């Protein structure tokens, strides 16, 4: 049995099966279990750790947020709407951005950041698709070769 920080007890197999759900993994376990990242943050700043557990939003650097945006757009585009909010401003110092960022539980980007990085994501998605096609073609050729020389 595994005991979470809130006292819940889980069978290991059941917990591993449930961890596939992003809402459970990042939400419930994010608040009730210690990850390596959480331990590092707790070590660095107990106040920041407590803020994240209470408010559910980590204060990340802009670079990390852009990296998360690129990762999502390339590998998990179906999760974009649940992870990100775009504020129609050009700068993070704009009052509308600061207000939207304070209210949102999502990662907030400016429209300018979104537009500048969306092209990068699209280019990388094209490269990923290209390599998947290459891999598929190679696999098909290997199968033909095996059948030919049986």
Protein backbone atom coordinates (compact mmCIF):
# COMPACT_ATOMS: atom_id res chain seq x y z
CA UNK A 1 0.00 0.00 0.00
CA UNK A 2 1.06 3.56 -0.77
CA UNK A 3 -0.05 6.37 1.52
CA UNK A 4 -0.41 9.86 0.03
CA UNK A 5 0.17 13.09 1.95
CA UNK A 6 -3.59 13.47 2.53
CA UNK A 7 -3.76 10.02 4.18
CA UNK A 8 -5.34 8.17 1.24
CA UNK A 9 -4.05 4.67 0.79
CA UNK A 10 -3.67 3.14 -2.67
CA UNK A 11 -2.77 -0.26 -4.00
CA UNK A 12 0.36 0.21 -6.13
CA UNK A 13 -1.18 -1.32 -9.29
CA UNK A 14 -4.37 0.75 -8.96
CA UNK A 15 -2.36 3.94 -8.42
CA UNK A 16 -0.15 3.27 -11.46
CA UNK A 17 -3.24 2.67 -13.60
CA UNK A 18 -4.89 5.89 -12.38
CA UNK A 19 -1.71 7.94 -12.99
CA UNK A 20 -2.30 7.73 -16.76
CA UNK A 21 -5.03 10.37 -16.33
CA UNK A 22 -3.35 13.81 -16.57
CA UNK A 23 -5.95 15.46 -14.31
CA UNK A 24 -5.28 12.91 -11.59
CA UNK A 25 -1.51 12.93 -12.05
CA UNK A 26 -0.98 16.70 -12.19
CA UNK A 27 -3.96 17.64 -10.03
CA UNK A 28 -4.57 15.14 -7.24
CA UNK A 29 -1.09 13.65 -7.04
CA UNK A 30 0.47 17.06 -7.61
CA UNK A 31 -1.06 18.16 -4.29
CA UNK A 32 -0.90 14.89 -2.37
CA UNK A 33 2.44 13.34 -3.35
CA UNK A 34 6.01 14.57 -3.51
CA UNK A 35 7.71 14.48 -6.88
CA UNK A 36 11.40 15.14 -7.39
CA UNK A 37 10.49 18.63 -8.63
CA UNK A 38 8.31 19.27 -5.59
CA UNK A 39 11.09 18.21 -3.23
CA UNK A 40 13.55 20.53 -5.00
CA UNK A 41 11.07 23.42 -4.77
CA UNK A 42 10.32 22.65 -1.13
CA UNK A 43 14.05 22.65 -0.40
CA UNK A 44 14.52 25.96 -2.24
CA UNK A 45 11.43 27.77 -0.93
CA UNK A 46 8.79 26.24 1.38
CA UNK A 47 6.70 29.40 0.84
CA UNK A 48 6.64 28.89 -2.97
CA UNK A 49 5.83 25.20 -2.54
CA UNK A 50 2.92 26.05 -0.23
CA UNK A 51 1.66 28.67 -2.71
CA UNK A 52 1.68 26.14 -5.56
CA UNK A 53 -0.12 23.48 -3.49
CA UNK A 54 -2.80 25.99 -2.44
CA UNK A 55 -3.24 27.81 -5.76
CA UNK A 56 -2.33 25.05 -8.17
CA UNK A 57 -0.12 27.28 -10.28
CA UNK A 58 3.66 27.22 -10.36
CA UNK A 59 5.52 30.42 -11.08
CA UNK A 60 7.66 29.45 -14.06
CA UNK A 61 10.04 31.46 -16.13
CA UNK A 62 8.84 32.70 -19.50
CA UNK A 63 11.35 30.39 -21.19
CA UNK A 64 9.92 27.35 -19.39
CA UNK A 65 6.38 28.40 -20.30
CA UNK A 66 7.38 28.78 -23.97
CA UNK A 67 9.07 25.36 -23.81
CA UNK A 68 5.89 23.84 -22.38
CA UNK A 69 3.90 25.55 -25.16
CA UNK A 70 6.19 24.08 -27.85
CA UNK A 71 6.05 20.63 -26.27
CA UNK A 72 2.26 20.75 -26.13
CA UNK A 73 1.82 22.03 -29.67
CA UNK A 74 4.19 19.42 -31.13
CA UNK A 75 3.36 16.35 -29.07
CA UNK A 76 -0.01 16.97 -27.39
CA UNK A 77 -1.92 19.64 -29.37
CA UNK A 78 -5.25 18.26 -28.14
CA UNK A 79 -4.33 19.53 -24.65
CA UNK A 80 -3.66 23.13 -25.70
CA UNK A 81 -7.00 24.58 -24.57
CA UNK A 82 -6.85 23.00 -21.14
CA UNK A 83 -3.25 24.07 -20.48
CA UNK A 84 -2.99 27.57 -21.98
CA UNK A 85 -4.70 30.92 -22.05
CA UNK A 86 -3.70 33.57 -24.58
CA UNK A 87 -4.14 37.23 -23.63
CA UNK A 88 -4.45 39.57 -26.59
CA UNK A 89 -1.57 41.87 -25.65
CA UNK A 90 1.97 42.32 -26.94
CA UNK A 91 3.77 42.49 -23.58
CA UNK A 92 3.69 40.84 -20.17
CA UNK A 93 3.82 44.28 -18.52
CA UNK A 94 0.37 45.15 -19.89
CA UNK A 95 -2.32 45.51 -17.24
CA UNK A 96 -4.61 43.03 -19.06
CA UNK A 97 -1.86 40.39 -19.04
CA UNK A 98 -1.12 40.83 -15.34
CA UNK A 99 -4.83 40.62 -14.45
CA UNK A 100 -5.43 37.59 -16.68
CA UNK A 101 -2.35 35.83 -15.36
CA UNK A 102 -3.41 36.41 -11.76
CA UNK A 103 -6.88 34.94 -12.38
CA UNK A 104 -5.94 31.98 -14.56
CA UNK A 105 -4.89 28.54 -13.37
CA UNK A 106 -3.46 27.89 -16.84
CA UNK A 107 -0.16 28.96 -18.36
CA UNK A 108 -0.76 32.44 -19.72
CA UNK A 109 1.03 33.73 -22.83
CA UNK A 110 0.76 36.99 -24.70
CA UNK A 111 -0.65 36.91 -28.22
CA UNK A 112 2.80 37.95 -29.44
CA UNK A 113 4.48 35.00 -27.66
CA UNK A 114 1.87 32.66 -29.07
CA UNK A 115 2.26 33.92 -32.62
CA UNK A 116 6.08 33.95 -32.54
CA UNK A 117 6.28 30.38 -31.27
CA UNK A 118 3.37 28.82 -33.10
CA UNK A 119 5.42 28.81 -36.32
CA UNK A 120 8.27 27.02 -34.55
CA UNK A 121 5.84 24.41 -33.28
CA UNK A 122 4.36 23.96 -36.76
CA UNK A 123 7.83 23.52 -38.31
CA UNK A 124 8.79 20.95 -35.69
CA UNK A 125 5.48 19.13 -36.10
CA UNK A 126 6.23 18.85 -39.81
CA UNK A 127 9.67 17.41 -38.99
CA UNK A 128 8.17 14.91 -36.53
CA UNK A 129 5.61 13.83 -39.15
CA UNK A 130 8.39 13.50 -41.74
CA UNK A 131 10.42 11.21 -39.48
CA UNK A 132 7.34 9.14 -38.65
CA UNK A 133 6.71 8.67 -42.38
CA UNK A 134 10.35 7.73 -42.91
CA UNK A 135 10.16 5.20 -40.09
CA UNK A 136 6.93 3.75 -41.49
CA UNK A 137 8.43 3.53 -44.99
CA UNK A 138 11.56 1.84 -43.63
CA UNK A 139 9.40 -0.65 -41.73
CA UNK A 140 7.38 -1.43 -44.88
CA UNK A 141 10.56 -1.96 -46.89
CA UNK A 142 11.96 -4.25 -44.20
CA UNK A 143 8.79 -6.35 -44.29
CA UNK A 144 8.96 -6.62 -48.09
CA UNK A 145 12.62 -7.62 -47.87
CA UNK A 146 11.84 -10.34 -45.30
CA UNK A 147 9.01 -11.76 -47.42
CA UNK A 148 11.13 -11.72 -50.56
CA UNK A 149 13.95 -13.76 -49.06
CA UNK A 150 12.06 -16.30 -46.96
